[in-house]
Amino acid sequence: MTLTPEQLKPFLSADQLKLYQLIWRRFVASFMAPAIFDTVRADIGAGGFIFRANGSVLKFPGYLAVWPREEEGDTLPPLAQGEPLDLRKLTPDQHFTQPPPRYTEASLIKELEERGIGRPSTYVPIVSTIQDRGYVEQQERRFVPTWLGDTVNELMIKHFPDIVDSNFTADMERKLDAVEGGEQEWTAFLRDFYTALRAQLGRAEAEMDRVQKPVEEANEACPRCGKPLLIRTGRFGRFISCSGFPECDFKKPFMIKTGAICPDCGGDLVERKSRKSAKVFFGCANYPTCTFAVWDRPLPVPCPECGGLLTLGNGRTEAACVKCGAQVRGALEGAPVVVGHRAPQSRASSEAGTRTRRTASAHANGASNGKTTTRTVRTSAAGKKAAPKTTRPRTTTSRASNGTARPTATPSGASGR
């Protein structure tokens, strides 16, 4: 049995009564029916113009009888057609149509699940394939189609509309399940499918035009022959080469500059990507002469306190200084303000970040297979040396407070101390 606040009022102090009223009303409201509102729209004519007010009208109070709403700004009073109104406030509000957000890895997999495309075991290969083949690239963790992706999509829609239809894969899954369950003969299924596909391939081969990728200039001259340099795409991504190829075979890696300056040598900090993990990091363009690298994105604005390099991690609003550890707000807007401090990076952490940069670049250039062998000699109780044992160290990577990578190598079986 629940006692009401009125029943306990003689036995409670004023503060205790307020607290009990809050608990009791919330408890009772949780067992009551939900409130029902009617969404209404009022069109008000004045001087040849139409003004619109949107709101709601309470139809059934429900739990609001004991737990009233705090915000009631969206409710409209009862109105009748032709009723004269007095103007109290007019708020102009302009709305723009917003495009749907681009897919992330998580939202794309969720869309595949909802449409019945593929199976859980194929979701990861699908996401990897569209990136490995250069159909999309990630910008701020969202997929953005490339020129190649748009071109392939247009050609596939034009010549193979049935295959690129979103229902094709789901329908194919159902047909394969029917073959597995013995409801349809697999030979007849393959014959019907291949007959239609062969006809589409023949028409596409005869009607499809060759597509020439537009030339993208690098706005630089070749240091060997003086001809313009072009940005091309190869098996391992984009690169810069001479427009006079094959007479001139000059080429160099394509680097995305961040606008920030390396604090060690003064070179440009560029975006790089590890080949094995495809994780983006930022390093000096003068590698291997300079091995400075950080995980967080460098900013072109220097630290307002010491002039050091500012880095901004994903999802953060405050940048961090690599040199003094200052927390800076407003660096992206060009008005940096120091709002706090944290422990600055030590020299050991900087050297650790250098070693990680060297390892990541070795993976990116294919210069290292990532394996290290350590010979460990064990001694028996009699004092004799046992046979050597080959172990492979486990390498883990941690992140320092300012975003610089700090690797730690721990051989197997060691305590890690």
Protein backbone atom coordinates (compact mmCIF):
# COMPACT_ATOMS: atom_id res chain seq x y z
CA MET A 1 0.00 0.00 0.00
CA THR A 2 1.37 3.41 -1.00
CA LEU A 3 0.80 6.33 1.32
CA THR A 4 -0.04 9.65 -0.31
CA PRO A 5 1.85 12.83 0.59
CA GLU A 6 -1.28 14.15 2.34
CA GLN A 7 -1.30 11.15 4.67
CA LEU A 8 2.35 11.62 5.63
CA LYS A 9 2.29 15.40 5.82
CA PRO A 10 1.85 15.56 9.65
CA PHE A 11 4.91 13.35 10.15
CA LEU A 12 7.39 14.96 7.69
CA SER A 13 9.30 18.21 7.63
CA ALA A 14 8.89 20.66 4.74
CA ASP A 15 11.99 19.42 2.88
CA GLN A 16 11.10 15.76 3.46
CA LEU A 17 7.57 16.39 2.19
CA LYS A 18 8.84 17.98 -1.03
CA LEU A 19 11.16 15.07 -1.66
CA TYR A 20 8.43 12.51 -0.96
CA GLN A 21 5.99 14.33 -3.28
CA LEU A 22 8.56 14.19 -6.07
CA ILE A 23 9.19 10.45 -5.57
CA TRP A 24 5.49 9.61 -5.16
CA ARG A 25 4.35 11.49 -8.29
CA ARG A 26 7.10 9.96 -10.38
CA PHE A 27 6.27 6.48 -9.08
CA VAL A 28 2.55 6.84 -9.77
CA ALA A 29 3.14 8.38 -13.21
CA SER A 30 5.21 5.37 -14.26
CA PHE A 31 2.09 3.15 -13.91
CA MET A 32 -0.29 5.49 -15.72
CA ALA A 33 -1.28 5.53 -19.38
CA PRO A 34 0.68 7.72 -21.82
CA ALA A 35 -0.60 11.14 -22.77
CA ILE A 36 -2.20 11.67 -26.18
CA PHE A 37 -1.66 14.83 -28.21
CA ASP A 38 -3.22 15.99 -31.46
CA THR A 39 -0.73 17.62 -33.81
CA VAL A 40 -2.35 20.71 -35.28
CA ARG A 41 -1.43 23.40 -37.76
CA ALA A 42 -3.01 26.84 -37.81
CA ASP A 43 -2.93 28.93 -41.01
CA ILE A 44 -3.49 32.60 -40.18
CA GLY A 45 -4.34 35.06 -42.95
CA ALA A 46 -3.39 38.71 -42.56
CA GLY A 47 -3.14 41.34 -45.30
CA GLY A 48 -2.90 38.87 -48.15
CA PHE A 49 -0.23 36.79 -46.43
CA ILE A 50 -0.49 33.36 -44.81
CA PHE A 51 1.32 32.74 -41.52
CA ARG A 52 1.56 29.24 -40.12
CA ALA A 53 1.82 28.04 -36.53
CA ASN A 54 2.49 24.39 -35.67
CA GLY A 55 1.81 22.85 -32.31
CA SER A 56 -0.12 20.24 -30.39
CA VAL A 57 -3.30 20.04 -28.35
CA LEU A 58 -3.67 17.75 -25.36
CA LYS A 59 -6.37 15.15 -26.03
CA PHE A 60 -5.88 12.77 -23.08
CA PRO A 61 -3.72 13.80 -20.10
CA GLY A 62 -2.67 10.32 -18.94
CA TYR A 63 0.36 10.48 -16.65
CA LEU A 64 0.49 14.28 -17.07
CA ALA A 65 -2.33 14.48 -14.52
CA VAL A 66 0.25 13.88 -11.77
CA TRP A 67 3.50 14.68 -13.66
CA PRO A 68 2.91 17.82 -15.78
CA ARG A 69 5.30 18.72 -18.56
CA GLU A 70 7.85 21.40 -17.85
CA GLU A 71 7.97 22.71 -21.43
CA GLU A 72 4.67 23.75 -22.95
CA GLY A 73 5.89 26.10 -25.67
CA ASP A 74 4.70 23.87 -28.52
CA THR A 75 1.05 23.76 -27.48
CA LEU A 76 -1.60 25.84 -29.22
CA PRO A 77 -4.72 27.28 -27.60
CA PRO A 78 -8.13 26.21 -28.91
CA LEU A 79 -8.86 28.03 -32.18
CA ALA A 80 -11.99 28.33 -34.32
CA GLN A 81 -12.25 29.02 -38.03
CA GLY A 82 -12.72 32.76 -38.75
CA GLU A 83 -11.77 33.78 -35.23
CA PRO A 84 -9.95 37.18 -35.08
CA LEU A 85 -6.51 36.95 -33.47
CA ASP A 86 -4.21 39.48 -31.86
CA LEU A 87 -0.55 39.45 -32.95
CA ARG A 88 1.76 38.98 -29.99
CA LYS A 89 4.92 37.71 -31.65
CA LEU A 90 6.00 36.84 -35.18
CA THR A 91 9.10 34.62 -35.54
CA PRO A 92 10.43 34.16 -39.10
CA ASP A 93 11.85 30.66 -39.56
CA GLN A 94 13.49 29.53 -42.80
CA HIS A 95 13.99 25.81 -43.47
CA PHE A 96 16.39 24.25 -45.95
CA THR A 97 16.17 20.72 -47.26
CA GLN A 98 19.08 18.70 -45.90
CA PRO A 99 20.52 15.79 -47.87
CA PRO A 100 20.66 12.41 -46.13
CA PRO A 101 23.94 11.77 -44.33
CA ARG A 102 26.58 9.71 -46.06
CA TYR A 103 27.13 6.13 -44.98
CA THR A 104 29.63 5.11 -42.38
CA GLU A 105 30.83 1.53 -42.00
CA ALA A 106 28.24 0.89 -39.29
CA SER A 107 25.32 2.54 -41.11
CA LEU A 108 26.21 0.77 -44.37
CA ILE A 109 26.19 -2.64 -42.69
CA LYS A 110 22.87 -1.76 -41.03
CA GLU A 111 21.42 -0.84 -44.44
CA LEU A 112 22.62 -4.14 -45.91
CA GLU A 113 20.92 -6.01 -43.08
CA GLU A 114 17.63 -4.16 -43.53
CA ARG A 115 17.57 -4.76 -47.29
CA GLY A 116 18.57 -8.40 -46.96
CA ILE A 117 21.74 -7.97 -49.01
CA GLY A 118 24.44 -10.48 -48.23
CA ARG A 119 25.04 -12.33 -45.00
CA PRO A 120 26.95 -11.44 -41.82
CA SER A 121 30.02 -13.22 -43.18
CA THR A 122 30.02 -11.02 -46.32
CA TYR A 123 29.56 -7.61 -44.71
CA VAL A 124 33.25 -7.06 -43.95
CA PRO A 125 34.42 -8.15 -47.46
CA ILE A 126 31.87 -5.78 -49.03
CA VAL A 127 33.12 -2.82 -47.01
CA SER A 128 36.76 -3.72 -47.74
CA THR A 129 36.21 -4.30 -51.48
CA ILE A 130 34.62 -0.94 -52.25
CA GLN A 131 37.59 0.77 -50.58
CA ASP A 132 40.34 -1.46 -51.99
CA ARG A 133 39.09 -0.96 -55.55
CA GLY A 134 38.89 2.79 -55.15
CA TYR A 135 35.12 3.14 -55.51
CA VAL A 136 34.84 5.15 -52.28
CA GLU A 137 37.16 6.86 -49.86
CA GLN A 138 36.65 7.85 -46.25
CA GLN A 139 36.40 11.48 -45.26
CA GLU A 140 35.75 12.09 -41.58
CA ARG A 141 34.81 8.40 -41.23
CA ARG A 142 32.13 8.64 -43.94
CA PHE A 143 32.17 7.07 -47.39
CA VAL A 144 32.47 9.51 -50.30
CA PRO A 145 32.28 8.11 -53.86
CA THR A 146 35.28 8.68 -56.11
CA TRP A 147 35.28 9.41 -59.81
CA LEU A 148 35.79 5.71 -60.47
CA GLY A 149 32.88 4.76 -58.24
CA ASP A 150 30.50 7.23 -59.90
CA THR A 151 31.55 6.09 -63.38
CA VAL A 152 31.19 2.38 -62.63
CA ASN A 153 27.81 3.00 -61.01
CA GLU A 154 26.49 4.92 -64.04
CA LEU A 155 27.65 2.25 -66.49
CA MET A 156 26.24 -0.59 -64.41
CA ILE A 157 22.85 1.13 -64.04
CA LYS A 158 22.72 1.77 -67.78
CA HIS A 159 23.74 -1.70 -69.03
CA PHE A 160 22.95 -4.02 -66.09
CA PRO A 161 19.91 -2.53 -64.33
CA ASP A 162 18.70 -5.89 -62.99
CA ILE A 163 22.02 -6.80 -61.37
CA VAL A 164 22.65 -3.48 -59.61
CA ASP A 165 19.09 -3.34 -58.31
CA SER A 166 19.03 -3.38 -54.52
CA ASN A 167 16.60 -6.34 -54.60
CA PHE A 168 18.86 -8.49 -56.81
CA THR A 169 21.08 -9.82 -54.03
CA ALA A 170 18.18 -10.46 -51.67
CA ASP A 171 16.27 -12.28 -54.43
CA MET A 172 19.39 -14.30 -55.29
CA GLU A 173 19.73 -15.35 -51.65
CA ARG A 174 16.14 -16.61 -51.65
CA LYS A 175 16.69 -18.56 -54.86
CA LEU A 176 19.87 -20.16 -53.52
CA ASP A 177 18.02 -21.13 -50.35
CA ALA A 178 15.36 -22.74 -52.53
CA VAL A 179 18.06 -24.71 -54.37
CA GLU A 180 19.58 -25.80 -51.06
CA GLY A 181 16.18 -26.89 -49.77
CA GLY A 182 15.49 -28.96 -52.89
CA GLU A 183 12.61 -26.76 -54.05
CA GLN A 184 14.36 -25.88 -57.34
CA GLU A 185 16.83 -27.74 -59.53
CA TRP A 186 20.21 -26.04 -59.59
CA THR A 187 20.94 -26.80 -63.26
CA ALA A 188 17.76 -25.09 -64.41
CA PHE A 189 18.47 -22.15 -62.10
CA LEU A 190 21.97 -21.65 -63.53
CA ARG A 191 20.77 -22.07 -67.11
CA ASP A 192 18.11 -19.38 -66.77
CA PHE A 193 20.43 -16.98 -65.01
CA TYR A 194 23.36 -17.38 -67.40
CA THR A 195 21.19 -17.11 -70.51
CA ALA A 196 19.95 -13.67 -69.49
CA LEU A 197 23.40 -12.58 -68.29
CA ARG A 198 25.10 -13.61 -71.54
CA ALA A 199 22.64 -11.51 -73.54
CA GLN A 200 23.30 -8.48 -71.32
CA LEU A 201 27.07 -8.93 -71.63
CA GLY A 202 26.81 -9.04 -75.42
CA ARG A 203 24.79 -5.85 -75.58
CA ALA A 204 27.08 -4.06 -73.13
CA GLU A 205 30.21 -5.06 -75.07
CA ALA A 206 28.72 -3.67 -78.27
CA GLU A 207 27.14 -0.49 -76.84
CA MET A 208 29.36 0.53 -73.92
CA ASP A 209 31.71 3.40 -74.75
CA ARG A 210 35.25 3.60 -73.45
CA VAL A 211 35.58 6.08 -70.62
CA GLN A 212 38.66 8.23 -70.34
CA LYS A 213 39.47 9.51 -66.91
CA PRO A 214 39.93 13.29 -66.84
CA VAL A 215 43.50 14.43 -66.42
CA GLU A 216 44.26 15.90 -62.99
CA GLU A 217 47.24 18.19 -62.96
CA ALA A 218 49.50 18.56 -59.94
CA ASN A 219 50.37 22.21 -60.73
CA GLU A 220 54.05 21.30 -60.71
CA ALA A 221 56.72 20.92 -63.38
CA CYS A 222 58.79 17.78 -63.79
CA PRO A 223 62.30 18.34 -62.35
CA ARG A 224 63.81 16.23 -65.15
CA CYS A 225 62.16 17.41 -68.36
CA GLY A 226 60.06 20.41 -67.30
CA LYS A 227 56.73 18.97 -68.49
CA PRO A 228 53.64 19.20 -66.27
CA LEU A 229 53.18 16.58 -63.59
CA LEU A 230 49.91 14.63 -63.44
CA ILE A 231 48.10 12.88 -60.60
CA ARG A 232 47.42 9.28 -61.57
CA THR A 233 45.86 6.26 -59.85
CA GLY A 234 47.58 2.89 -59.67
CA ARG A 235 47.18 -0.40 -57.85
CA PHE A 236 48.41 1.08 -54.59
CA GLY A 237 46.61 4.42 -54.74
CA ARG A 238 47.33 7.82 -56.20
CA PHE A 239 50.78 8.97 -57.29
CA ILE A 240 52.36 11.81 -59.28
CA SER A 241 54.13 11.14 -62.57
CA CYS A 242 55.37 13.07 -65.57
CA SER A 243 53.00 13.78 -68.47
CA GLY A 244 55.86 12.86 -70.82
CA PHE A 245 55.71 9.16 -69.91
CA PRO A 246 57.17 6.83 -71.24
CA GLU A 247 59.95 9.16 -72.44
CA CYS A 248 60.28 10.48 -68.88
CA ASP A 249 59.60 8.00 -66.07
CA PHE A 250 59.77 10.44 -63.16
CA LYS A 251 57.27 9.74 -60.39
CA LYS A 252 56.80 10.43 -56.70
CA PRO A 253 54.20 9.65 -54.02
CA PHE A 254 51.05 11.72 -53.84
CA MET A 255 50.87 13.45 -50.49
CA ILE A 256 47.90 15.21 -48.90
CA LYS A 257 49.33 18.20 -47.07
CA THR A 258 47.79 19.27 -43.79
CA GLY A 259 49.24 22.79 -43.83
CA ALA A 260 51.13 22.12 -40.59
CA ILE A 261 54.90 22.30 -40.26
CA CYS A 262 57.06 19.54 -38.80
CA PRO A 263 58.46 20.70 -35.43
CA ASP A 264 61.70 18.74 -35.96
CA CYS A 265 62.84 19.78 -39.44
CA GLY A 266 60.34 22.35 -40.72
CA GLY A 267 59.00 20.12 -43.50
CA ASP A 268 55.36 19.63 -44.45
CA LEU A 269 53.25 17.24 -42.39
CA VAL A 270 51.30 15.02 -44.78
CA GLU A 271 48.66 12.33 -44.46
CA ARG A 272 49.86 8.75 -44.71
CA LYS A 273 48.23 5.38 -44.41
CA SER A 274 49.53 2.08 -43.13
CA ARG A 275 49.19 -0.61 -45.77
CA LYS A 276 48.29 -3.48 -43.45
CA SER A 277 45.84 -1.75 -41.12
CA ALA A 278 44.91 1.12 -43.48
CA LYS A 279 44.98 3.41 -40.45
CA VAL A 280 45.70 7.06 -41.21
CA PHE A 281 48.57 8.81 -39.47
CA PHE A 282 50.46 12.03 -40.14
CA GLY A 283 54.18 12.20 -40.75
CA CYS A 284 56.89 14.43 -42.13
CA ALA A 285 57.24 14.64 -45.92
CA ASN A 286 61.04 14.42 -45.55
CA TYR A 287 60.94 10.80 -44.42
CA PRO A 288 63.29 8.90 -43.97
CA THR A 289 65.48 11.91 -43.15
CA CYS A 290 62.91 13.02 -40.56
CA THR A 291 60.82 10.40 -38.76
CA PHE A 292 58.39 12.61 -36.84
CA ALA A 293 54.78 11.30 -36.81
CA VAL A 294 51.56 11.71 -34.82
CA TRP A 295 48.22 9.92 -34.87
CA ASP A 296 45.97 12.97 -34.41
CA ARG A 297 45.51 15.49 -37.23
CA PRO A 298 48.03 18.38 -37.09
CA LEU A 299 46.61 21.89 -37.38
CA PRO A 300 48.25 24.74 -39.33
CA VAL A 301 47.67 27.10 -36.40
CA PRO A 302 50.57 27.19 -33.90
CA CYS A 303 50.09 27.01 -30.17
CA PRO A 304 49.33 30.52 -28.82
CA GLU A 305 51.41 29.84 -25.72
CA CYS A 306 54.66 28.32 -27.01
CA GLY A 307 54.28 28.24 -30.81
CA GLY A 308 54.37 24.42 -30.87
CA LEU A 309 52.39 21.99 -33.01
CA LEU A 310 48.68 21.61 -32.27
CA THR A 311 46.92 18.28 -32.92
CA LEU A 312 43.20 17.52 -32.88
CA GLY A 313 41.84 14.04 -32.21
CA ASN A 314 38.68 12.62 -33.76
CA GLY A 315 35.55 13.80 -32.00
CA ARG A 316 37.41 16.37 -29.91
CA THR A 317 36.77 20.11 -29.80
CA GLU A 318 39.97 21.11 -28.02
CA ALA A 319 43.38 20.79 -29.65
CA ALA A 320 46.49 19.74 -27.72
CA CYS A 321 49.98 21.15 -28.03
CA VAL A 322 52.69 18.53 -28.54
CA LYS A 323 55.35 20.72 -26.91
CA CYS A 324 53.79 22.24 -23.79
CA GLY A 325 50.57 20.23 -23.40
CA ALA A 326 48.27 23.25 -23.60
CA GLN A 327 44.58 22.62 -24.29
CA VAL A 328 43.48 25.05 -27.01
CA ARG A 329 39.93 25.86 -28.05
CA GLY A 330 38.91 27.64 -31.27
CA ALA A 331 41.97 26.58 -33.29
CA LEU A 332 39.86 25.54 -36.30
CA GLU A 333 38.14 28.94 -36.35
CA GLY A 334 41.48 30.74 -36.36
CA ALA A 335 41.04 32.16 -32.85
CA PRO A 336 42.98 29.79 -30.54
CA VAL A 337 42.53 30.28 -26.80
CA VAL A 338 44.30 28.27 -24.09
CA VAL A 339 41.73 26.76 -21.72
CA GLY A 340 43.91 24.38 -19.73
CA HIS A 341 47.05 22.28 -19.54
CA ARG A 342 48.02 18.67 -19.21
CA ALA A 343 51.34 16.92 -18.81
CA PRO A 344 53.65 17.73 -21.76
CA GLN A 345 55.16 14.94 -23.77
CA SER A 346 58.46 13.58 -22.53
CA ARG A 347 61.49 12.94 -24.71
CA ALA A 348 61.06 9.18 -24.32
CA SER A 349 57.54 9.39 -25.70
CA SER A 350 58.79 11.43 -28.65
CA GLU A 351 61.43 8.82 -29.45
CA ALA A 352 58.79 6.09 -29.13
CA GLY A 353 56.63 7.95 -31.61
CA THR A 354 59.61 8.12 -33.97
CA ARG A 355 60.08 4.36 -33.81
CA THR A 356 56.39 3.82 -34.52
CA ARG A 357 56.60 6.19 -37.49
CA ARG A 358 59.53 4.22 -38.88
CA THR A 359 57.65 0.93 -38.51
CA ALA A 360 54.41 2.27 -40.02
CA SER A 361 56.26 3.74 -43.01
CA ALA A 362 58.10 0.48 -43.54
CA HIS A 363 54.76 -1.31 -43.77
CA ALA A 364 53.39 1.35 -46.10
CA ASN A 365 56.38 1.03 -48.47
CA GLY A 366 56.54 -2.75 -48.29
CA ALA A 367 60.09 -2.63 -46.95
CA SER A 368 59.49 -4.81 -43.89
CA ASN A 369 57.58 -8.01 -43.29
CA GLY A 370 56.88 -7.04 -39.67
CA LYS A 371 58.65 -10.09 -38.17
CA THR A 372 61.39 -9.98 -35.53
CA THR A 373 63.26 -13.01 -34.24
CA THR A 374 64.85 -13.14 -30.80
CA ARG A 375 67.22 -15.92 -29.76
CA THR A 376 66.74 -16.91 -26.12
CA VAL A 377 69.25 -19.32 -24.50
CA ARG A 378 67.95 -21.31 -21.52
CA THR A 379 70.22 -22.88 -18.91
CA SER A 380 69.38 -26.23 -17.31
CA ALA A 381 69.75 -27.04 -13.61
CA ALA A 382 73.15 -28.67 -14.26
CA GLY A 383 74.49 -25.47 -15.72
CA LYS A 384 74.40 -26.64 -19.33
CA LYS A 385 72.99 -24.48 -22.05
CA ALA A 386 69.74 -25.73 -23.49
CA ALA A 387 68.80 -25.54 -27.15
CA PRO A 388 68.05 -22.02 -28.38
CA LYS A 389 64.37 -21.12 -28.57
CA THR A 390 62.92 -18.79 -31.19
CA THR A 391 60.26 -16.41 -30.01
CA ARG A 392 58.34 -13.64 -31.72
CA PRO A 393 57.68 -10.49 -29.69
CA ARG A 394 54.18 -9.13 -29.41
CA THR A 395 54.02 -5.46 -30.31
CA THR A 396 51.29 -3.26 -28.95
CA THR A 397 50.74 0.41 -29.62
CA SER A 398 49.42 2.89 -27.09
CA ARG A 399 48.58 6.56 -27.50
CA ALA A 400 50.20 9.28 -25.46
CA SER A 401 48.19 12.13 -24.01
CA ASN A 402 48.88 14.36 -27.03
CA GLY A 403 48.14 11.74 -29.69
CA THR A 404 51.73 10.58 -30.39
CA ALA A 405 52.04 6.80 -30.80
CA ARG A 406 53.99 4.93 -28.13
CA PRO A 407 54.82 1.31 -29.03
CA THR A 408 55.79 -1.30 -26.49
CA ALA A 409 57.37 -4.61 -27.47
CA THR A 410 56.84 -7.52 -25.10
CA PRO A 411 58.31 -10.95 -25.97
CA SER A 412 56.02 -13.91 -25.54
CA GLY A 413 56.12 -15.37 -22.09
CA ALA A 414 57.62 -12.23 -20.50
CA SER A 415 55.91 -10.31 -17.77
CA GLY A 416 56.14 -7.02 -19.63
CA ARG A 417 57.82 -5.21 -16.74
